[in-house]
Amino acid sequence: MGVYSDLFALILMVLAVVGLARASDQDPLQDFCVADLTQGVLVNGYPCKDPRAVTAADFAFSGLAESANLSGNPFDADAITGFVQD
C-alpha cells in the first residue's frame, strides 16, 4: 500500500507543477510601463509612454554603478535607491 501512496503523491505533485506552468498569461495586456516624464503627475503616478517610443535608455540607471558610503555604518550595509525621476 505504501508504494501506491508514494506514486499517487508523485503524480499529484507533477500535475500541480504542470498546472502552475500552464497558468501564465497567454495574452499579456501590459508587459511593462515606462513612465512618461513629459506629462504631469496624475493621482496614481506618471502615465505610461507609448510602447513604440520606448528605448533601451529608458531601462538604464547609472546610479547602480556608484559605490555606497559604508563609513560609520555598524552593519556595513547600504542601499542605492532609484526613483522614476532619476
PDB file of N, CA and C in Angstrom:
ATOM      1  N   MET A   1       0.810  -1.193   0.000  1.00  0.00           N
ATOM      2  CA  MET A   1       0.000   0.000   0.000  1.00  0.00           C
ATOM      3  C   MET A   1       0.855   1.259   0.000  1.00  0.00           C
ATOM      4  N   GLY A   2       2.066   1.186   0.576  1.00  0.00           N
ATOM      5  CA  GLY A   2       2.934   2.342   0.645  1.00  0.00           C
ATOM      6  C   GLY A   2       3.444   2.784  -0.713  1.00  0.00           C
ATOM      7  N   VAL A   3       3.667   1.850  -1.627  1.00  0.00           N
ATOM      8  CA  VAL A   3       4.161   2.182  -2.964  1.00  0.00           C
ATOM      9  C   VAL A   3       3.109   2.966  -3.725  1.00  0.00           C
ATOM     10  N   TYR A   4       1.836   2.585  -3.580  1.00  0.00           N
ATOM     11  CA  TYR A   4       0.768   3.267  -4.298  1.00  0.00           C
ATOM     12  C   TYR A   4       0.548   4.686  -3.766  1.00  0.00           C
ATOM     13  N   SER A   5       0.690   4.879  -2.485  1.00  0.00           N
ATOM     14  CA  SER A   5       0.515   6.224  -1.932  1.00  0.00           C
ATOM     15  C   SER A   5       1.664   7.134  -2.356  1.00  0.00           C
ATOM     16  N   ASP A   6       2.877   6.594  -2.433  1.00  0.00           N
ATOM     17  CA  ASP A   6       4.009   7.384  -2.916  1.00  0.00           C
ATOM     18  C   ASP A   6       3.832   7.746  -4.381  1.00  0.00           C
ATOM     19  N   LEU A   7       3.369   6.796  -5.173  1.00  0.00           N
ATOM     20  CA  LEU A   7       3.140   7.041  -6.599  1.00  0.00           C
ATOM     21  C   LEU A   7       2.034   8.077  -6.779  1.00  0.00           C
ATOM     22  N   PHE A   8       0.980   7.950  -5.985  1.00  0.00           N
ATOM     23  CA  PHE A   8      -0.120   8.907  -6.058  1.00  0.00           C
ATOM     24  C   PHE A   8       0.361  10.312  -5.691  1.00  0.00           C
ATOM     25  N   ALA A   9       1.176  10.437  -4.662  1.00  0.00           N
ATOM     26  CA  ALA A   9       1.714  11.733  -4.265  1.00  0.00           C
ATOM     27  C   ALA A   9       2.604  12.317  -5.354  1.00  0.00           C
ATOM     28  N   LEU A  10       3.406  11.471  -5.985  1.00  0.00           N
ATOM     29  CA  LEU A  10       4.270  11.928  -7.078  1.00  0.00           C
ATOM     30  C   LEU A  10       3.446  12.424  -8.257  1.00  0.00           C
ATOM     31  N   ILE A  11       2.396  11.698  -8.591  1.00  0.00           N
ATOM     32  CA  ILE A  11       1.535  12.120  -9.707  1.00  0.00           C
ATOM     33  C   ILE A  11       0.854  13.448  -9.376  1.00  0.00           C
ATOM     34  N   LEU A  12       0.394  13.614  -8.145  1.00  0.00           N
ATOM     35  CA  LEU A  12      -0.222  14.882  -7.750  1.00  0.00           C
ATOM     36  C   LEU A  12       0.753  16.042  -7.829  1.00  0.00           C
ATOM     37  N   MET A  13       1.985  15.829  -7.411  1.00  0.00           N
ATOM     38  CA  MET A  13       2.986  16.902  -7.484  1.00  0.00           C
ATOM     39  C   MET A  13       3.297  17.267  -8.926  1.00  0.00           C
ATOM     40  N   VAL A  14       3.425  16.280  -9.801  1.00  0.00           N
ATOM     41  CA  VAL A  14       3.689  16.552 -11.217  1.00  0.00           C
ATOM     42  C   VAL A  14       2.536  17.320 -11.834  1.00  0.00           C
ATOM     43  N   LEU A  15       1.310  16.926 -11.528  1.00  0.00           N
ATOM     44  CA  LEU A  15       0.154  17.643 -12.062  1.00  0.00           C
ATOM     45  C   LEU A  15       0.084  19.075 -11.536  1.00  0.00           C
ATOM     46  N   ALA A  16       0.453  19.281 -10.295  1.00  0.00           N
ATOM     47  CA  ALA A  16       0.443  20.627  -9.733  1.00  0.00           C
ATOM     48  C   ALA A  16       1.480  21.506 -10.420  1.00  0.00           C
ATOM     49  N   VAL A  17       2.669  20.970 -10.670  1.00  0.00           N
ATOM     50  CA  VAL A  17       3.722  21.740 -11.336  1.00  0.00           C
ATOM     51  C   VAL A  17       3.321  22.054 -12.764  1.00  0.00           C
ATOM     52  N   VAL A  18       2.757  21.087 -13.461  1.00  0.00           N
ATOM     53  CA  VAL A  18       2.315  21.322 -14.841  1.00  0.00           C
ATOM     54  C   VAL A  18       1.192  22.349 -14.852  1.00  0.00           C
ATOM     55  N   GLY A  19       0.290  22.277 -13.891  1.00  0.00           N
ATOM     56  CA  GLY A  19      -0.797  23.253 -13.814  1.00  0.00           C
ATOM     57  C   GLY A  19      -0.289  24.660 -13.563  1.00  0.00           C
ATOM     58  N   LEU A  20       0.710  24.801 -12.716  1.00  0.00           N
ATOM     59  CA  LEU A  20       1.286  26.123 -12.466  1.00  0.00           C
ATOM     60  C   LEU A  20       2.034  26.649 -13.682  1.00  0.00           C
ATOM     61  N   ALA A  21       2.699  25.775 -14.391  1.00  0.00           N
ATOM     62  CA  ALA A  21       3.455  26.203 -15.570  1.00  0.00           C
ATOM     63  C   ALA A  21       2.522  26.678 -16.674  1.00  0.00           C
ATOM     64  N   ARG A  22       1.349  26.109 -16.754  1.00  0.00           N
ATOM     65  CA  ARG A  22       0.405  26.495 -17.795  1.00  0.00           C
ATOM     66  C   ARG A  22      -0.473  27.669 -17.381  1.00  0.00           C
ATOM     67  N   ALA A  23      -0.320  28.173 -16.185  1.00  0.00           N
ATOM     68  CA  ALA A  23      -1.168  29.243 -15.679  1.00  0.00           C
ATOM     69  C   ALA A  23      -0.659  30.628 -16.064  1.00  0.00           C
ATOM     70  N   SER A  24       0.238  30.707 -17.014  1.00  0.00           N
ATOM     71  CA  SER A  24       0.755  32.012 -17.424  1.00  0.00           C
ATOM     72  C   SER A  24      -0.261  32.730 -18.301  1.00  0.00           C
ATOM     73  N   ASP A  25      -0.088  34.026 -18.416  1.00  0.00           N
ATOM     74  CA  ASP A  25      -0.997  34.850 -19.215  1.00  0.00           C
ATOM     75  C   ASP A  25      -0.691  34.654 -20.689  1.00  0.00           C
ATOM     76  N   GLN A  26      -1.650  34.160 -21.431  1.00  0.00           N
ATOM     77  CA  GLN A  26      -1.445  33.903 -22.855  1.00  0.00           C
ATOM     78  C   GLN A  26      -1.432  35.183 -23.681  1.00  0.00           C
ATOM     79  N   ASP A  27      -2.144  36.191 -23.231  1.00  0.00           N
ATOM     80  CA  ASP A  27      -2.224  37.449 -23.957  1.00  0.00           C
ATOM     81  C   ASP A  27      -1.951  38.600 -22.988  1.00  0.00           C
ATOM     82  N   PRO A  28      -0.677  38.872 -22.706  1.00  0.00           N
ATOM     83  CA  PRO A  28      -0.388  39.923 -21.732  1.00  0.00           C
ATOM     84  C   PRO A  28      -0.799  41.295 -22.271  1.00  0.00           C
ATOM     85  N   LEU A  29      -1.563  41.997 -21.488  1.00  0.00           N
ATOM     86  CA  LEU A  29      -2.036  43.304 -21.929  1.00  0.00           C
ATOM     87  C   LEU A  29      -0.971  44.372 -21.779  1.00  0.00           C
ATOM     88  N   GLN A  30      -0.209  44.298 -20.702  1.00  0.00           N
ATOM     89  CA  GLN A  30       0.812  45.304 -20.458  1.00  0.00           C
ATOM     90  C   GLN A  30       2.005  44.623 -19.791  1.00  0.00           C
ATOM     91  N   ASP A  31       3.061  44.394 -20.559  1.00  0.00           N
ATOM     92  CA  ASP A  31       4.246  43.748 -20.019  1.00  0.00           C
ATOM     93  C   ASP A  31       5.097  44.711 -19.203  1.00  0.00           C
ATOM     94  N   PHE A  32       5.132  45.969 -19.585  1.00  0.00           N
ATOM     95  CA  PHE A  32       5.954  46.957 -18.895  1.00  0.00           C
ATOM     96  C   PHE A  32       5.300  48.322 -19.038  1.00  0.00           C
ATOM     97  N   CYS A  33       5.673  49.216 -18.165  1.00  0.00           N
ATOM     98  CA  CYS A  33       5.197  50.593 -18.224  1.00  0.00           C
ATOM     99  C   CYS A  33       6.379  51.511 -17.932  1.00  0.00           C
ATOM    100  N   VAL A  34       6.822  52.243 -18.928  1.00  0.00           N
ATOM    101  CA  VAL A  34       7.879  53.233 -18.754  1.00  0.00           C
ATOM    102  C   VAL A  34       7.193  54.571 -18.519  1.00  0.00           C
ATOM    103  N   ALA A  35       7.552  55.232 -17.440  1.00  0.00           N
ATOM    104  CA  ALA A  35       6.907  56.492 -17.075  1.00  0.00           C
ATOM    105  C   ALA A  35       7.201  57.576 -18.107  1.00  0.00           C
ATOM    106  N   ASP A  36       6.178  58.309 -18.480  1.00  0.00           N
ATOM    107  CA  ASP A  36       6.314  59.439 -19.393  1.00  0.00           C
ATOM    108  C   ASP A  36       6.489  60.690 -18.540  1.00  0.00           C
ATOM    109  N   LEU A  37       7.742  61.139 -18.384  1.00  0.00           N
ATOM    110  CA  LEU A  37       8.048  62.264 -17.501  1.00  0.00           C
ATOM    111  C   LEU A  37       7.672  63.615 -18.100  1.00  0.00           C
ATOM    112  N   THR A  38       7.317  63.652 -19.388  1.00  0.00           N
ATOM    113  CA  THR A  38       6.947  64.922 -20.017  1.00  0.00           C
ATOM    114  C   THR A  38       5.544  65.351 -19.629  1.00  0.00           C
ATOM    115  N   GLN A  39       4.720  64.416 -19.195  1.00  0.00           N
ATOM    116  CA  GLN A  39       3.364  64.748 -18.773  1.00  0.00           C
ATOM    117  C   GLN A  39       3.334  64.898 -17.256  1.00  0.00           C
ATOM    118  N   GLY A  40       2.350  65.541 -16.762  1.00  0.00           N
ATOM    119  CA  GLY A  40       2.250  65.793 -15.330  1.00  0.00           C
ATOM    120  C   GLY A  40       1.940  64.537 -14.537  1.00  0.00           C
ATOM    121  N   VAL A  41       2.144  64.649 -13.236  1.00  0.00           N
ATOM    122  CA  VAL A  41       1.853  63.537 -12.345  1.00  0.00           C
ATOM    123  C   VAL A  41       0.348  63.443 -12.142  1.00  0.00           C
ATOM    124  N   LEU A  42      -0.198  62.249 -12.316  1.00  0.00           N
ATOM    125  CA  LEU A  42      -1.610  62.017 -12.074  1.00  0.00           C
ATOM    126  C   LEU A  42      -1.803  61.512 -10.654  1.00  0.00           C
ATOM    127  N   VAL A  43      -2.997  61.156 -10.304  1.00  0.00           N
ATOM    128  CA  VAL A  43      -3.301  60.683  -8.953  1.00  0.00           C
ATOM    129  C   VAL A  43      -2.492  59.428  -8.635  1.00  0.00           C
ATOM    130  N   ASN A  44      -2.378  58.511  -9.593  1.00  0.00           N
ATOM    131  CA  ASN A  44      -1.684  57.254  -9.336  1.00  0.00           C
ATOM    132  C   ASN A  44      -0.280  57.219  -9.941  1.00  0.00           C
ATOM    133  N   GLY A  45       0.309  58.361 -10.222  1.00  0.00           N
ATOM    134  CA  GLY A  45       1.679  58.409 -10.730  1.00  0.00           C
ATOM    135  C   GLY A  45       1.747  58.932 -12.155  1.00  0.00           C
ATOM    136  N   TYR A  46       2.871  58.685 -12.793  1.00  0.00           N
ATOM    137  CA  TYR A  46       3.065  59.137 -14.170  1.00  0.00           C
ATOM    138  C   TYR A  46       2.338  58.203 -15.139  1.00  0.00           C
ATOM    139  N   PRO A  47       1.844  58.757 -16.255  1.00  0.00           N
ATOM    140  CA  PRO A  47       1.253  57.877 -17.265  1.00  0.00           C
ATOM    141  C   PRO A  47       2.350  57.104 -18.006  1.00  0.00           C
ATOM    142  N   CYS A  48       1.967  56.045 -18.688  1.00  0.00           N
ATOM    143  CA  CYS A  48       2.928  55.215 -19.426  1.00  0.00           C
ATOM    144  C   CYS A  48       3.248  55.847 -20.778  1.00  0.00           C
ATOM    145  N   LYS A  49       4.506  55.645 -21.204  1.00  0.00           N
ATOM    146  CA  LYS A  49       4.904  56.049 -22.553  1.00  0.00           C
ATOM    147  C   LYS A  49       4.269  55.116 -23.571  1.00  0.00           C
ATOM    148  N   ASP A  50       4.166  55.611 -24.786  1.00  0.00           N
ATOM    149  CA  ASP A  50       3.738  54.751 -25.885  1.00  0.00           C
ATOM    150  C   ASP A  50       4.803  53.668 -26.075  1.00  0.00           C
ATOM    151  N   PRO A  51       4.438  52.402 -26.107  1.00  0.00           N
ATOM    152  CA  PRO A  51       5.445  51.336 -26.243  1.00  0.00           C
ATOM    153  C   PRO A  51       6.334  51.479 -27.471  1.00  0.00           C
ATOM    154  N   ARG A  52       5.861  52.139 -28.514  1.00  0.00           N
ATOM    155  CA  ARG A  52       6.687  52.329 -29.710  1.00  0.00           C
ATOM    156  C   ARG A  52       7.749  53.398 -29.504  1.00  0.00           C
ATOM    157  N   ALA A  53       7.586  54.248 -28.466  1.00  0.00           N
ATOM    158  CA  ALA A  53       8.545  55.319 -28.203  1.00  0.00           C
ATOM    159  C   ALA A  53       9.567  54.941 -27.134  1.00  0.00           C
ATOM    160  N   VAL A  54       9.458  53.745 -26.581  1.00  0.00           N
ATOM    161  CA  VAL A  54      10.367  53.302 -25.528  1.00  0.00           C
ATOM    162  C   VAL A  54      11.705  52.894 -26.141  1.00  0.00           C
ATOM    163  N   THR A  55      12.810  53.329 -25.512  1.00  0.00           N
ATOM    164  CA  THR A  55      14.151  52.981 -25.979  1.00  0.00           C
ATOM    165  C   THR A  55      14.895  52.221 -24.882  1.00  0.00           C
ATOM    166  N   ALA A  56      16.053  51.698 -25.214  1.00  0.00           N
ATOM    167  CA  ALA A  56      16.864  50.975 -24.233  1.00  0.00           C
ATOM    168  C   ALA A  56      17.345  51.907 -23.122  1.00  0.00           C
ATOM    169  N   ALA A  57      17.497  53.182 -23.426  1.00  0.00           N
ATOM    170  CA  ALA A  57      17.945  54.151 -22.411  1.00  0.00           C
ATOM    171  C   ALA A  57      16.914  54.318 -21.297  1.00  0.00           C
ATOM    172  N   ASP A  58      15.656  53.997 -21.573  1.00  0.00           N
ATOM    173  CA  ASP A  58      14.626  54.098 -20.543  1.00  0.00           C
ATOM    174  C   ASP A  58      14.812  53.050 -19.441  1.00  0.00           C
ATOM    175  N   PHE A  59      15.561  51.991 -19.704  1.00  0.00           N
ATOM    176  CA  PHE A  59      15.756  50.917 -18.742  1.00  0.00           C
ATOM    177  C   PHE A  59      17.129  50.976 -18.080  1.00  0.00           C
ATOM    178  N   ALA A  60      17.895  52.019 -18.334  1.00  0.00           N
ATOM    179  CA  ALA A  60      19.241  52.146 -17.757  1.00  0.00           C
ATOM    180  C   ALA A  60      19.196  53.089 -16.560  1.00  0.00           C
ATOM    181  N   PHE A  61      19.956  52.754 -15.524  1.00  0.00           N
ATOM    182  CA  PHE A  61      20.076  53.604 -14.345  1.00  0.00           C
ATOM    183  C   PHE A  61      21.538  53.628 -13.943  1.00  0.00           C
ATOM    184  N   SER A  62      22.183  54.761 -14.108  1.00  0.00           N
ATOM    185  CA  SER A  62      23.620  54.859 -13.858  1.00  0.00           C
ATOM    186  C   SER A  62      23.955  54.900 -12.369  1.00  0.00           C
ATOM    187  N   GLY A  63      22.984  55.131 -11.526  1.00  0.00           N
ATOM    188  CA  GLY A  63      23.228  55.220 -10.098  1.00  0.00           C
ATOM    189  C   GLY A  63      23.655  53.908  -9.473  1.00  0.00           C
ATOM    190  N   LEU A  64      23.384  52.775 -10.121  1.00  0.00           N
ATOM    191  CA  LEU A  64      23.792  51.489  -9.572  1.00  0.00           C
ATOM    192  C   LEU A  64      25.299  51.290  -9.637  1.00  0.00           C
ATOM    193  N   ALA A  65      25.981  52.064 -10.465  1.00  0.00           N
ATOM    194  CA  ALA A  65      27.432  51.942 -10.581  1.00  0.00           C
ATOM    195  C   ALA A  65      28.151  52.670  -9.443  1.00  0.00           C
ATOM    196  N   GLU A  66      27.457  53.511  -8.705  1.00  0.00           N
ATOM    197  CA  GLU A  66      28.064  54.248  -7.597  1.00  0.00           C
ATOM    198  C   GLU A  66      28.261  53.324  -6.402  1.00  0.00           C
ATOM    199  N   SER A  67      29.365  53.511  -5.702  1.00  0.00           N
ATOM    200  CA  SER A  67      29.588  52.707  -4.504  1.00  0.00           C
ATOM    201  C   SER A  67      28.878  53.361  -3.321  1.00  0.00           C
ATOM    202  N   ALA A  68      28.441  52.535  -2.400  1.00  0.00           N
ATOM    203  CA  ALA A  68      27.720  53.032  -1.235  1.00  0.00           C
ATOM    204  C   ALA A  68      28.695  53.556  -0.190  1.00  0.00           C
ATOM    205  N   ASN A  69      28.235  54.457   0.642  1.00  0.00           N
ATOM    206  CA  ASN A  69      29.034  55.001   1.729  1.00  0.00           C
ATOM    207  C   ASN A  69      28.821  54.129   2.967  1.00  0.00           C
ATOM    208  N   LEU A  70      29.807  53.337   3.320  1.00  0.00           N
ATOM    209  CA  LEU A  70      29.685  52.420   4.446  1.00  0.00           C
ATOM    210  C   LEU A  70      30.403  52.910   5.691  1.00  0.00           C
ATOM    211  N   SER A  71      31.009  54.083   5.645  1.00  0.00           N
ATOM    212  CA  SER A  71      31.751  54.569   6.815  1.00  0.00           C
ATOM    213  C   SER A  71      30.782  54.923   7.938  1.00  0.00           C
ATOM    214  N   GLY A  72      31.070  54.444   9.119  1.00  0.00           N
ATOM    215  CA  GLY A  72      30.237  54.712  10.273  1.00  0.00           C
ATOM    216  C   GLY A  72      28.989  53.868  10.340  1.00  0.00           C
ATOM    217  N   ASN A  73      28.837  52.933   9.417  1.00  0.00           N
ATOM    218  CA  ASN A  73      27.673  52.067   9.407  1.00  0.00           C
ATOM    219  C   ASN A  73      28.020  50.787  10.154  1.00  0.00           C
ATOM    220  N   PRO A  74      27.384  50.491  11.264  1.00  0.00           N
ATOM    221  CA  PRO A  74      27.762  49.304  12.045  1.00  0.00           C
ATOM    222  C   PRO A  74      27.455  47.985  11.348  1.00  0.00           C
ATOM    223  N   PHE A  75      26.560  47.991  10.370  1.00  0.00           N
ATOM    224  CA  PHE A  75      26.189  46.754   9.695  1.00  0.00           C
ATOM    225  C   PHE A  75      26.914  46.569   8.371  1.00  0.00           C
ATOM    226  N   ASP A  76      27.698  47.549   7.942  1.00  0.00           N
ATOM    227  CA  ASP A  76      28.372  47.518   6.639  1.00  0.00           C
ATOM    228  C   ASP A  76      27.392  47.217   5.511  1.00  0.00           C
ATOM    229  N   ALA A  77      26.254  47.869   5.545  1.00  0.00           N
ATOM    230  CA  ALA A  77      25.235  47.667   4.521  1.00  0.00           C
ATOM    231  C   ALA A  77      24.641  49.018   4.143  1.00  0.00           C
ATOM    232  N   ASP A  78      24.270  49.154   2.898  1.00  0.00           N
ATOM    233  CA  ASP A  78      23.638  50.378   2.417  1.00  0.00           C
ATOM    234  C   ASP A  78      22.805  50.027   1.203  1.00  0.00           C
ATOM    235  N   ALA A  79      21.958  50.919   0.803  1.00  0.00           N
ATOM    236  CA  ALA A  79      21.105  50.701  -0.362  1.00  0.00           C
ATOM    237  C   ALA A  79      21.213  51.906  -1.288  1.00  0.00           C
ATOM    238  N   ILE A  80      21.273  51.638  -2.569  1.00  0.00           N
ATOM    239  CA  ILE A  80      21.233  52.669  -3.597  1.00  0.00           C
ATOM    240  C   ILE A  80      19.812  52.670  -4.140  1.00  0.00           C
ATOM    241  N   THR A  81      19.118  53.775  -4.014  1.00  0.00           N
ATOM    242  CA  THR A  81      17.735  53.830  -4.461  1.00  0.00           C
ATOM    243  C   THR A  81      17.645  54.415  -5.863  1.00  0.00           C
ATOM    244  N   GLY A  82      16.661  54.004  -6.577  1.00  0.00           N
ATOM    245  CA  GLY A  82      16.375  54.547  -7.905  1.00  0.00           C
ATOM    246  C   GLY A  82      14.908  54.907  -7.997  1.00  0.00           C
ATOM    247  N   PHE A  83      14.622  56.127  -8.384  1.00  0.00           N
ATOM    248  CA  PHE A  83      13.248  56.588  -8.478  1.00  0.00           C
ATOM    249  C   PHE A  83      12.933  56.931  -9.916  1.00  0.00           C
ATOM    250  N   VAL A  84      11.676  57.185 -10.184  1.00  0.00           N
ATOM    251  CA  VAL A  84      11.232  57.490 -11.548  1.00  0.00           C
ATOM    252  C   VAL A  84      11.948  58.725 -12.090  1.00  0.00           C
ATOM    253  N   GLN A  85      12.172  59.706 -11.262  1.00  0.00           N
ATOM    254  CA  GLN A  85      12.804  60.946 -11.713  1.00  0.00           C
ATOM    255  C   GLN A  85      14.295  60.785 -11.995  1.00  0.00           C
ATOM    256  N   ASP A  86      14.913  59.722 -11.511  1.00  0.00           N
ATOM    257  CA  ASP A  86      16.356  59.543 -11.699  1.00  0.00           C
ATOM    258  C   ASP A  86      16.624  59.144 -13.096  1.00  0.00           C
TER     259      ASP A  86
END
